[in-house]
Amino acid sequence: MTDQRTDAGAEPRLQAAAPTTRLADLRARFAPVLDRIRDGAVERELASGTPGDRPLPHAEVRALADAGFGRLRVPVDRGGFGVTLVELVHLVADLAAADSNIAHLWRGHFGYTELVLLRPDSASRDEWLDRIVGGAIIGNATSERTGTTLADISTTVTAAGPDDADALRLDGTKYYSTGTLYADWIYLAADRSGERVTFAVPADAPGVTGVDDWDGFGQRLTASGTTVFDGVAVDPGVVSAYRDAPLSHIQAFYQLYLLAVLAGIGQAVVDDAVAFVRPRTRTYIHANAARPGDDPQVLAVIGRLSAGAFTARSLIAAAAGSLDEVVATNEPGAGVDHGLLDAAENAVYQAQVEIGPRVLRAASELFEVGGASAADRGRALDRHWRNARVVASHNPAVYKERLVGEYVLHGRGPVDAWEKYHEVGPTRF
């Protein structure tokens, strides 16, 4: 991951801009773990077919947590690394290039970390920062199949019983609970007397059941399955009303995170194309050179793949820079500059419109560098398209094209839509 050599023995890593010293140091810190993750990615993919009966990369996820990956955004004076969003998306893309499943499953953790950082100073905020620095992983269980949109929630928080008027219980079922089977805590949204509330519960609390039943054709190891809450005890002191949280960059952050995963898949496509072509000696009767690596048409394919990966990496860095500007305006508890947020979220949408199609096209064009042997199941090269297609299906880009047009032509930004939903308290996923 950190190898920047340009000799024939190593494919140079793409950078959208010169990395900061901090970013270079962090890449060196995580390189051994990422190398281990990369080395086992194909084997894990080949064993990932059957929900409920597949080995999940718990050891690899824990190794990242132990190396400090989960505290990247926590301020330095609180024990973290204090990275910017630009630095974070580069590191997430690096991880996704090694294994997009493992990068994706951290999305809920980093989203919740952003929410904690947005809070005013308090004992609760301090407690969460300490947990994150201590290696705790936070998963999400917010999405449901209730109603017609994410604003519809049937999971409830109610009084536990007549013996304790203050005690609460949590009941309901969540789906697409990405990362929760790897987590120590689970962040979720529920309905309390007609009001949307949010909070986190321990993943091992009595009444919490996680099921690895995600049956998608890609991102199979993200543990994006079902989470059931059956009479889970909830401390009333940790429950907060959704409407009380000021509007922030969090919605755009969740989408930007997925784009970083896609950018990493684009890099993995380049890496695998190079690894396939470099030792190859067999070619075609119509080929332009005796060796595929010298064939100008093969070189052109690899060039296009590389340019696409560079473009994706550049776009996530640019969009993340816009969100960094928004975060800099945040006053804990008060929110951010809405005009700046509109522009930044529009930048994320613009990036989404471009990155998804580029990475999907690259994942298919990858097979143009070789013959039928590229389709060997043991290479698992098809995983890149499948994984990219699943990631790109989150909040489809077709809607974002229209929203970008609205912003450019009429000056109507996406923040207005989030404000309307904010009034009724949808989930933040």
Protein backbone atom coordinates (compact mmCIF):
# COMPACT_ATOMS: atom_id res chain seq x y z
CA MET A 1 0.00 0.00 0.00
CA THR A 2 2.73 2.45 0.83
CA ASP A 3 5.20 1.32 -1.83
CA GLN A 4 5.87 4.25 -4.14
CA ARG A 5 8.61 2.59 -6.24
CA THR A 6 8.40 2.81 -10.00
CA ASP A 7 10.72 -0.06 -10.89
CA ALA A 8 9.43 -3.09 -12.74
CA GLY A 9 8.84 -4.93 -9.48
CA ALA A 10 6.13 -2.72 -8.08
CA GLU A 11 3.08 -0.93 -9.40
CA PRO A 12 3.19 2.68 -8.15
CA ARG A 13 0.28 3.74 -6.00
CA LEU A 14 -1.85 6.56 -7.33
CA GLN A 15 -2.20 9.81 -5.45
CA ALA A 16 -4.62 12.59 -6.24
CA ALA A 17 -2.21 14.98 -4.60
CA ALA A 18 1.07 14.82 -2.71
CA PRO A 19 0.35 13.05 0.58
CA THR A 20 0.88 14.84 3.84
CA THR A 21 3.58 13.61 6.16
CA ARG A 22 0.87 12.41 8.52
CA LEU A 23 -0.84 10.45 5.75
CA ALA A 24 2.45 8.87 4.70
CA ASP A 25 3.18 7.91 8.30
CA LEU A 26 -0.27 6.39 8.74
CA ARG A 27 0.08 4.43 5.53
CA ALA A 28 3.30 2.99 6.86
CA ARG A 29 1.59 2.20 10.17
CA PHE A 30 -1.25 0.25 8.57
CA ALA A 31 0.75 -1.34 5.73
CA PRO A 32 1.44 -4.66 7.51
CA VAL A 33 -2.24 -5.13 8.35
CA LEU A 34 -3.35 -4.15 4.84
CA ASP A 35 -0.83 -6.52 3.30
CA ARG A 36 -2.27 -9.33 5.41
CA ILE A 37 -5.81 -8.35 4.39
CA ARG A 38 -4.86 -8.20 0.71
CA ASP A 39 -3.13 -11.57 0.82
CA GLY A 40 -6.27 -13.30 2.08
CA ALA A 41 -8.86 -11.41 0.04
CA VAL A 42 -9.33 -13.95 -2.76
CA GLU A 43 -9.43 -16.92 -0.37
CA ARG A 44 -12.10 -15.18 1.70
CA GLU A 45 -14.06 -14.34 -1.43
CA LEU A 46 -14.06 -17.93 -2.61
CA ALA A 47 -15.38 -19.05 0.77
CA SER A 48 -18.06 -16.35 1.01
CA GLY A 49 -20.91 -17.89 -0.92
CA THR A 50 -23.30 -19.25 1.72
CA PRO A 51 -24.90 -16.87 4.23
CA GLY A 52 -24.61 -18.07 7.80
CA ASP A 53 -21.91 -20.59 6.95
CA ARG A 54 -18.94 -18.54 5.84
CA PRO A 55 -15.84 -17.42 7.71
CA LEU A 56 -15.99 -13.71 8.54
CA PRO A 57 -12.73 -11.73 8.80
CA HIS A 58 -13.02 -10.98 12.52
CA ALA A 59 -9.27 -11.28 13.06
CA GLU A 60 -8.47 -8.84 10.27
CA VAL A 61 -10.99 -6.30 11.51
CA ARG A 62 -9.67 -6.56 15.04
CA ALA A 63 -6.09 -6.16 13.80
CA LEU A 64 -7.10 -2.86 12.17
CA ALA A 65 -8.79 -1.71 15.36
CA ASP A 66 -5.75 -2.66 17.43
CA ALA A 67 -3.56 -0.66 15.05
CA GLY A 68 -5.75 2.38 15.67
CA PHE A 69 -7.74 2.50 12.43
CA GLY A 70 -10.97 3.26 14.25
CA ARG A 71 -9.58 6.37 15.96
CA LEU A 72 -8.35 8.10 12.81
CA ARG A 73 -10.79 11.01 13.16
CA VAL A 74 -10.47 11.44 16.93
CA PRO A 75 -8.45 14.57 17.80
CA VAL A 76 -4.81 14.08 18.72
CA ASP A 77 -5.31 15.58 22.17
CA ARG A 78 -7.91 12.89 22.84
CA GLY A 79 -5.70 10.00 21.77
CA GLY A 80 -6.57 9.80 18.09
CA PHE A 81 -4.77 10.77 14.89
CA GLY A 82 -6.88 13.82 14.03
CA VAL A 83 -6.95 13.14 10.30
CA THR A 84 -8.86 15.36 7.90
CA LEU A 85 -11.63 13.92 5.77
CA VAL A 86 -9.29 14.10 2.78
CA GLU A 87 -6.79 11.93 4.63
CA LEU A 88 -9.51 9.59 5.82
CA VAL A 89 -10.88 8.87 2.34
CA HIS A 90 -7.39 8.10 1.07
CA LEU A 91 -6.90 5.58 3.88
CA VAL A 92 -10.34 4.05 3.35
CA ALA A 93 -9.62 3.72 -0.38
CA ASP A 94 -6.29 2.07 0.45
CA LEU A 95 -8.13 -0.44 2.63
CA ALA A 96 -10.78 -1.01 -0.04
CA ALA A 97 -8.04 -1.73 -2.58
CA ALA A 98 -6.95 -4.55 -0.26
CA ASP A 99 -10.50 -5.79 0.46
CA SER A 100 -13.57 -3.66 -0.19
CA ASN A 101 -15.66 -5.74 2.24
CA ILE A 102 -13.51 -4.78 5.19
CA ALA A 103 -13.39 -1.12 4.17
CA HIS A 104 -17.18 -0.99 3.77
CA LEU A 105 -18.00 -2.54 7.14
CA TRP A 106 -16.25 0.37 8.93
CA ARG A 107 -18.72 2.89 7.47
CA GLY A 108 -21.06 2.83 10.46
CA HIS A 109 -18.14 3.24 12.85
CA PHE A 110 -16.78 6.33 11.13
CA GLY A 111 -20.25 7.77 10.68
CA TYR A 112 -20.95 7.47 14.38
CA THR A 113 -17.54 8.95 15.16
CA GLU A 114 -18.49 12.00 13.09
CA LEU A 115 -21.71 12.34 15.08
CA VAL A 116 -19.79 12.17 18.36
CA LEU A 117 -17.37 14.82 17.16
CA LEU A 118 -20.30 17.11 16.32
CA ARG A 119 -21.55 17.07 19.92
CA PRO A 120 -20.79 19.84 22.41
CA ASP A 121 -18.35 19.01 25.18
CA SER A 122 -20.02 16.67 27.67
CA ALA A 123 -19.36 13.62 29.80
CA SER A 124 -21.13 11.48 27.19
CA ARG A 125 -18.94 12.82 24.37
CA ASP A 126 -15.82 12.17 26.44
CA GLU A 127 -16.99 8.65 27.23
CA TRP A 128 -17.51 7.84 23.55
CA LEU A 129 -14.17 9.28 22.49
CA ASP A 130 -12.49 7.16 25.16
CA ARG A 131 -14.28 4.05 23.90
CA ILE A 132 -13.26 4.70 20.32
CA VAL A 133 -9.65 5.37 21.27
CA GLY A 134 -9.74 2.18 23.34
CA GLY A 135 -10.51 0.16 20.21
CA ALA A 136 -14.30 -0.16 20.36
CA ILE A 137 -15.98 -0.69 16.98
CA ILE A 138 -19.44 0.75 16.34
CA GLY A 139 -21.78 -0.86 13.86
CA ASN A 140 -25.13 0.33 12.55
CA ALA A 141 -28.59 -1.15 12.61
CA THR A 142 -30.80 1.63 11.34
CA SER A 143 -32.38 0.50 8.07
CA GLU A 144 -35.72 -1.31 7.99
CA ARG A 145 -38.13 -2.69 5.44
CA THR A 146 -40.96 -0.79 7.08
CA GLY A 147 -43.05 1.65 5.05
CA THR A 148 -41.72 3.27 1.91
CA THR A 149 -38.65 5.31 2.94
CA LEU A 150 -35.96 5.48 5.59
CA ALA A 151 -38.23 7.84 7.50
CA ASP A 152 -40.52 4.91 8.36
CA ILE A 153 -39.43 3.07 11.51
CA SER A 154 -41.25 0.32 13.39
CA THR A 155 -38.54 -0.46 15.95
CA THR A 156 -39.70 0.93 19.29
CA VAL A 157 -38.42 2.11 22.64
CA THR A 158 -41.08 1.72 25.30
CA ALA A 159 -41.43 1.53 29.08
CA ALA A 160 -39.96 -1.71 30.34
CA GLY A 161 -42.71 -2.34 32.86
CA PRO A 162 -44.63 -1.09 35.87
CA ASP A 163 -41.89 -1.97 38.35
CA ASP A 164 -39.51 0.68 37.03
CA ALA A 165 -41.09 3.72 35.43
CA ASP A 166 -37.77 4.99 34.06
CA ALA A 167 -36.56 1.73 32.51
CA LEU A 168 -36.85 1.34 28.74
CA ARG A 169 -36.85 -1.63 26.39
CA LEU A 170 -35.96 -1.85 22.73
CA ASP A 171 -37.86 -4.11 20.31
CA GLY A 172 -37.64 -4.45 16.56
CA THR A 173 -35.82 -5.81 13.55
CA LYS A 174 -33.26 -4.05 11.40
CA TYR A 175 -31.83 -5.02 8.03
CA TYR A 176 -28.67 -4.20 6.08
CA SER A 177 -26.84 -3.93 9.40
CA THR A 178 -23.43 -3.43 7.82
CA GLY A 179 -20.57 -4.22 10.16
CA THR A 180 -22.69 -5.05 13.18
CA LEU A 181 -21.40 -8.62 13.61
CA TYR A 182 -17.90 -7.16 14.00
CA ALA A 183 -18.98 -4.41 16.39
CA ASP A 184 -18.82 -3.81 20.11
CA TRP A 185 -21.64 -1.27 19.99
CA ILE A 186 -24.62 -0.84 17.69
CA TYR A 187 -25.96 2.58 16.71
CA LEU A 188 -29.62 2.65 15.72
CA ALA A 189 -32.80 4.69 15.37
CA ALA A 190 -36.15 3.82 16.92
CA ASP A 191 -39.59 5.27 17.59
CA ARG A 192 -40.44 6.48 21.09
CA SER A 193 -44.04 7.64 21.48
CA GLY A 194 -44.17 8.86 17.90
CA GLU A 195 -40.77 10.56 17.95
CA ARG A 196 -37.60 9.31 16.28
CA VAL A 197 -34.76 8.79 18.71
CA THR A 198 -31.18 7.58 18.30
CA PHE A 199 -28.73 5.84 20.62
CA ALA A 200 -26.27 2.97 20.83
CA VAL A 201 -26.46 -0.33 22.72
CA PRO A 202 -23.78 -2.92 23.47
CA ALA A 203 -23.64 -5.56 20.75
CA ASP A 204 -23.55 -8.31 23.38
CA ALA A 205 -26.49 -7.00 25.41
CA PRO A 206 -29.15 -9.60 26.29
CA GLY A 207 -31.82 -9.62 23.60
CA VAL A 208 -29.53 -8.55 20.73
CA THR A 209 -29.22 -11.13 17.94
CA GLY A 210 -27.18 -10.60 14.79
CA VAL A 211 -27.70 -12.88 11.80
CA ASP A 212 -25.31 -13.24 8.86
CA ASP A 213 -28.06 -13.58 6.27
CA TRP A 214 -26.93 -10.95 3.75
CA ASP A 215 -27.40 -12.72 0.41
CA GLY A 216 -26.19 -10.08 -2.04
CA PHE A 217 -23.98 -11.10 -4.93
CA GLY A 218 -21.29 -8.65 -3.80
CA GLN A 219 -19.82 -7.30 -0.58
CA ARG A 220 -20.63 -10.68 0.94
CA LEU A 221 -18.45 -10.32 4.04
CA THR A 222 -19.72 -6.98 5.29
CA ALA A 223 -22.17 -8.79 7.63
CA SER A 224 -24.94 -6.61 6.20
CA GLY A 225 -27.62 -8.88 7.60
CA THR A 226 -30.44 -8.81 10.10
CA THR A 227 -30.27 -7.55 13.68
CA VAL A 228 -33.08 -8.37 16.08
CA PHE A 229 -33.73 -6.49 19.33
CA ASP A 230 -35.99 -8.33 21.75
CA GLY A 231 -36.58 -6.56 25.02
CA VAL A 232 -33.11 -5.01 25.11
CA ALA A 233 -32.63 -2.82 28.19
CA VAL A 234 -31.90 0.80 27.30
CA ASP A 235 -30.58 3.50 29.59
CA PRO A 236 -32.93 6.50 29.20
CA GLY A 237 -29.93 8.80 29.62
CA VAL A 238 -28.40 7.75 26.28
CA VAL A 239 -31.55 8.29 24.21
CA SER A 240 -31.72 11.53 22.23
CA ALA A 241 -34.35 12.94 19.88
CA TYR A 242 -33.31 12.96 16.27
CA ARG A 243 -34.79 16.42 15.74
CA ASP A 244 -32.51 17.86 18.44
CA ALA A 245 -29.37 17.11 16.42
CA PRO A 246 -28.42 20.08 14.21
CA LEU A 247 -28.16 19.54 10.48
CA SER A 248 -24.61 18.59 9.56
CA HIS A 249 -22.38 17.07 6.92
CA ILE A 250 -23.21 13.52 8.07
CA GLN A 251 -25.47 12.59 5.15
CA ALA A 252 -22.84 13.65 2.64
CA PHE A 253 -20.18 11.87 4.69
CA TYR A 254 -21.99 8.54 4.46
CA GLN A 255 -22.10 8.84 0.67
CA LEU A 256 -18.52 10.05 0.43
CA TYR A 257 -17.42 7.01 2.41
CA LEU A 258 -19.00 4.69 -0.16
CA LEU A 259 -17.23 6.58 -2.94
CA ALA A 260 -13.93 5.98 -1.18
CA VAL A 261 -14.73 2.26 -1.19
CA LEU A 262 -15.47 2.45 -4.91
CA ALA A 263 -12.21 4.30 -5.54
CA GLY A 264 -10.38 1.51 -3.73
CA ILE A 265 -12.08 -1.10 -5.92
CA GLY A 266 -10.90 0.88 -8.93
CA GLN A 267 -7.35 0.66 -7.63
CA ALA A 268 -7.74 -3.08 -7.00
CA VAL A 269 -8.77 -3.49 -10.64
CA VAL A 270 -5.52 -1.83 -11.74
CA ASP A 271 -3.47 -3.92 -9.33
CA ASP A 272 -5.01 -7.17 -10.52
CA ALA A 273 -4.67 -6.23 -14.19
CA VAL A 274 -0.97 -5.56 -13.71
CA ALA A 275 -0.50 -8.76 -11.70
CA PHE A 276 -2.23 -10.73 -14.45
CA VAL A 277 -0.37 -9.25 -17.42
CA ARG A 278 3.15 -8.91 -16.02
CA PRO A 279 4.07 -12.65 -15.98
CA ARG A 280 1.88 -13.61 -18.95
CA THR A 281 3.59 -15.10 -22.02
CA ARG A 282 0.68 -16.53 -23.98
CA THR A 283 -0.91 -14.18 -26.50
CA TYR A 284 -3.13 -14.15 -29.61
CA ILE A 285 -2.38 -14.75 -33.26
CA HIS A 286 -3.54 -11.20 -34.04
CA ALA A 287 -1.53 -9.65 -31.23
CA ASN A 288 0.85 -6.75 -31.82
CA ALA A 289 3.72 -8.20 -29.79
CA ALA A 290 5.09 -11.54 -28.69
CA ARG A 291 4.38 -10.76 -25.04
CA PRO A 292 1.09 -9.29 -23.76
CA GLY A 293 3.03 -6.84 -21.62
CA ASP A 294 4.53 -5.30 -24.77
CA ASP A 295 1.30 -5.20 -26.75
CA PRO A 296 0.20 -1.56 -27.26
CA GLN A 297 -3.47 -2.50 -27.10
CA VAL A 298 -3.04 -4.28 -23.77
CA LEU A 299 -1.02 -1.32 -22.54
CA ALA A 300 -3.84 1.00 -23.61
CA VAL A 301 -6.36 -0.99 -21.58
CA ILE A 302 -4.16 -0.81 -18.50
CA GLY A 303 -3.66 2.89 -19.14
CA ARG A 304 -7.41 3.48 -19.17
CA LEU A 305 -7.87 1.47 -15.99
CA SER A 306 -5.13 3.46 -14.29
CA ALA A 307 -6.55 6.79 -15.45
CA GLY A 308 -9.99 5.80 -14.16
CA ALA A 309 -8.59 4.87 -10.75
CA PHE A 310 -6.70 8.16 -10.60
CA THR A 311 -9.85 10.07 -11.50
CA ALA A 312 -11.88 8.33 -8.80
CA ARG A 313 -9.19 9.00 -6.20
CA SER A 314 -8.98 12.65 -7.27
CA LEU A 315 -12.73 13.12 -7.06
CA ILE A 316 -13.07 11.71 -3.55
CA ALA A 317 -10.22 13.91 -2.38
CA ALA A 318 -11.83 17.00 -3.91
CA ALA A 319 -15.25 16.21 -2.42
CA ALA A 320 -13.71 15.43 0.97
CA GLY A 321 -11.90 18.78 0.87
CA SER A 322 -15.26 20.51 0.46
CA LEU A 323 -16.64 18.64 3.47
CA ASP A 324 -13.54 19.56 5.49
CA GLU A 325 -14.43 23.20 4.86
CA VAL A 326 -17.94 22.55 6.17
CA VAL A 327 -16.65 20.80 9.28
CA ALA A 328 -14.39 23.78 9.98
CA THR A 329 -17.51 25.99 10.27
CA ASN A 330 -19.25 23.68 12.72
CA GLU A 331 -20.14 25.02 16.14
CA PRO A 332 -20.83 21.97 18.33
CA GLY A 333 -24.52 21.76 18.99
CA ALA A 334 -25.34 24.61 16.59
CA GLY A 335 -24.64 23.17 13.15
CA VAL A 336 -22.88 24.37 10.04
CA ASP A 337 -23.15 26.99 7.32
CA HIS A 338 -26.00 25.76 5.11
CA GLY A 339 -24.78 27.41 1.93
CA LEU A 340 -21.38 25.83 2.31
CA LEU A 341 -23.01 22.48 3.09
CA ASP A 342 -25.15 22.68 -0.04
CA ALA A 343 -22.06 23.23 -2.19
CA ALA A 344 -20.11 20.45 -0.48
CA GLU A 345 -22.91 17.90 -0.68
CA ASN A 346 -23.39 18.80 -4.33
CA ALA A 347 -19.68 18.08 -4.83
CA VAL A 348 -20.18 14.62 -3.30
CA TYR A 349 -23.09 14.00 -5.66
CA GLN A 350 -21.04 15.12 -8.65
CA ALA A 351 -18.32 12.69 -7.63
CA GLN A 352 -20.87 9.92 -7.23
CA VAL A 353 -22.25 10.47 -10.73
CA GLU A 354 -18.76 10.03 -12.20
CA ILE A 355 -17.10 7.43 -9.96
CA GLY A 356 -19.68 4.64 -10.05
CA PRO A 357 -19.82 4.25 -13.85
CA ARG A 358 -16.04 4.57 -14.18
CA VAL A 359 -15.28 1.84 -11.66
CA LEU A 360 -17.96 -0.48 -13.02
CA ARG A 361 -16.66 0.00 -16.55
CA ALA A 362 -13.10 -0.67 -15.38
CA ALA A 363 -14.15 -3.83 -13.54
CA SER A 364 -15.55 -5.18 -16.81
CA GLU A 365 -12.76 -3.89 -19.07
CA LEU A 366 -10.23 -5.61 -16.82
CA PHE A 367 -10.97 -8.84 -18.70
CA GLU A 368 -9.76 -7.33 -21.97
CA VAL A 369 -6.14 -7.76 -20.84
CA GLY A 370 -6.33 -11.57 -20.98
CA GLY A 371 -8.11 -14.55 -22.42
CA ALA A 372 -10.36 -17.12 -20.85
CA SER A 373 -7.84 -17.73 -18.08
CA ALA A 374 -8.80 -14.36 -16.60
CA ALA A 375 -12.17 -15.92 -15.84
CA ASP A 376 -10.67 -18.67 -13.69
CA ARG A 377 -12.69 -18.83 -10.50
CA GLY A 378 -9.50 -19.06 -8.49
CA ARG A 379 -8.59 -15.51 -9.52
CA ALA A 380 -11.98 -14.16 -8.40
CA LEU A 381 -11.60 -11.16 -10.70
CA ASP A 382 -15.37 -10.99 -11.04
CA ARG A 383 -15.56 -9.85 -7.41
CA HIS A 384 -14.58 -6.33 -8.41
CA TRP A 385 -17.63 -5.76 -10.60
CA ARG A 386 -19.97 -7.48 -8.16
CA ASN A 387 -18.65 -5.52 -5.21
CA ALA A 388 -18.67 -2.21 -7.07
CA ARG A 389 -22.21 -2.80 -8.32
CA VAL A 390 -23.47 -3.43 -4.78
CA VAL A 391 -21.68 -0.39 -3.33
CA ALA A 392 -22.88 1.84 -6.17
CA SER A 393 -26.46 0.69 -5.57
CA HIS A 394 -26.60 2.56 -2.26
CA ASN A 395 -28.65 5.71 -2.96
CA PRO A 396 -28.58 5.29 -6.77
CA ALA A 397 -26.70 7.92 -8.74
CA VAL A 398 -29.66 8.46 -11.07
CA TYR A 399 -31.26 10.58 -8.34
CA LYS A 400 -28.05 12.47 -7.75
CA GLU A 401 -27.82 13.48 -11.41
CA ARG A 402 -31.14 15.27 -11.06
CA LEU A 403 -30.14 16.92 -7.78
CA VAL A 404 -26.90 18.20 -9.31
CA GLY A 405 -28.94 19.65 -12.15
CA GLU A 406 -31.30 21.31 -9.67
CA TYR A 407 -28.36 22.89 -7.87
CA VAL A 408 -26.58 24.09 -10.99
CA LEU A 409 -29.66 25.43 -12.77
CA HIS A 410 -31.88 26.66 -9.96
CA GLY A 411 -29.58 26.93 -6.96
CA ARG A 412 -31.69 24.45 -5.01
CA GLY A 413 -29.33 22.34 -2.93
CA PRO A 414 -29.85 18.98 -1.21
CA VAL A 415 -29.85 20.49 2.30
CA ASP A 416 -33.46 21.62 1.88
CA ALA A 417 -34.57 18.02 1.38
CA TRP A 418 -32.68 16.86 4.47
CA GLU A 419 -34.21 19.67 6.52
CA LYS A 420 -37.72 18.53 5.59
CA TYR A 421 -36.94 14.97 6.62
CA HIS A 422 -35.19 16.24 9.72
CA GLU A 423 -38.50 17.66 10.92
CA VAL A 424 -40.07 14.18 11.02
CA GLY A 425 -36.92 12.42 12.18
CA PRO A 426 -35.77 9.87 9.60
CA THR A 427 -32.77 7.71 10.26
CA ARG A 428 -29.39 9.11 9.38
CA PHE A 429 -28.52 6.19 7.09
